[in-house]
Amino acid sequence: MKDILIYETFRKAYSTKDIKHTMNVGELIEFLQDYDPETPIYLSFDNGYTYEQVTEARFELQDEDEEEYY
């Protein structure tokens, strides 16, 4: 059996400014180092009803003070 890593998502806030703590890059790297580097990562939405892959193209670096609201 091959392991996969699923990140369960849920809505917490309408702005990043409303979130008191999130992992930083260093904490995320430290957490992920315990997994086999070949383990695929997926995002889970709607209690596992839909999924999304994690790709480099989906990351976007923004200035915290210039946060976009959708």
Protein backbone atom coordinates (compact mmCIF):
# COMPACT_ATOMS: atom_id res chain seq x y z
CA MET A 1 0.00 0.00 0.00
CA LYS A 2 1.32 3.44 -0.95
CA ASP A 3 0.82 6.32 1.50
CA ILE A 4 -0.62 9.68 0.45
CA LEU A 5 -0.73 12.82 2.59
CA ILE A 6 -4.05 14.70 2.64
CA TYR A 7 -4.44 18.20 4.06
CA GLU A 8 -8.04 18.64 5.23
CA THR A 9 -9.15 22.21 4.54
CA PHE A 10 -11.93 24.27 6.05
CA ARG A 11 -12.83 27.94 6.12
CA LYS A 12 -11.40 29.79 9.10
CA ALA A 13 -11.50 33.47 8.08
CA TYR A 14 -12.15 35.88 5.23
CA SER A 15 -8.73 37.53 5.56
CA THR A 16 -5.25 36.36 6.50
CA LYS A 17 -5.26 39.21 9.01
CA ASP A 18 -8.02 37.41 10.93
CA ILE A 19 -5.84 34.31 11.53
CA LYS A 20 -3.73 34.46 14.68
CA HIS A 21 -1.19 31.72 13.76
CA THR A 22 -0.18 29.74 10.70
CA MET A 23 2.86 27.58 10.04
CA ASN A 24 5.81 29.34 8.49
CA VAL A 25 7.97 27.80 5.76
CA GLY A 26 10.52 26.49 8.27
CA GLU A 27 7.85 24.80 10.39
CA LEU A 28 6.27 23.23 7.32
CA ILE A 29 9.63 21.91 6.08
CA GLU A 30 10.37 20.49 9.53
CA PHE A 31 6.95 18.80 9.66
CA LEU A 32 7.26 17.31 6.18
CA GLN A 33 10.77 15.93 6.72
CA ASP A 34 9.25 13.00 8.65
CA TYR A 35 7.53 11.77 5.46
CA ASP A 36 9.01 9.86 2.54
CA PRO A 37 9.99 12.51 -0.05
CA GLU A 38 7.97 10.62 -2.70
CA THR A 39 4.69 10.82 -0.71
CA PRO A 40 2.08 12.70 -2.80
CA ILE A 41 0.24 15.61 -1.14
CA TYR A 42 -3.40 16.51 -1.83
CA LEU A 43 -5.75 19.18 -0.51
CA SER A 44 -9.19 17.96 0.57
CA PHE A 45 -12.25 20.22 0.35
CA ASP A 46 -15.87 19.80 1.40
CA ASN A 47 -15.16 16.91 3.80
CA GLY A 48 -13.44 14.85 1.11
CA TYR A 49 -15.97 15.59 -1.63
CA THR A 50 -13.39 17.36 -3.83
CA TYR A 51 -9.58 17.36 -4.00
CA GLU A 52 -6.78 19.50 -5.45
CA GLN A 53 -3.16 18.72 -6.23
CA VAL A 54 -0.32 20.84 -4.82
CA THR A 55 1.85 22.41 -7.54
CA GLU A 56 4.50 25.12 -7.66
CA ALA A 57 2.30 27.21 -9.96
CA ARG A 58 -0.36 27.59 -7.24
CA PHE A 59 1.99 29.41 -4.84
CA GLU A 60 2.07 33.21 -4.94
CA LEU A 61 4.22 35.45 -2.78
CA GLN A 62 2.34 38.59 -1.70
CA ASP A 63 3.10 41.54 0.54
CA GLU A 64 1.08 41.10 3.73
CA ASP A 65 -0.02 44.75 3.63
CA GLU A 66 -1.28 44.36 0.04
CA GLU A 67 -3.46 41.31 0.62
CA GLU A 68 -6.04 40.75 -2.09
CA TYR A 69 -9.62 40.11 -1.10
CA TYR A 70 -11.81 37.93 -3.29
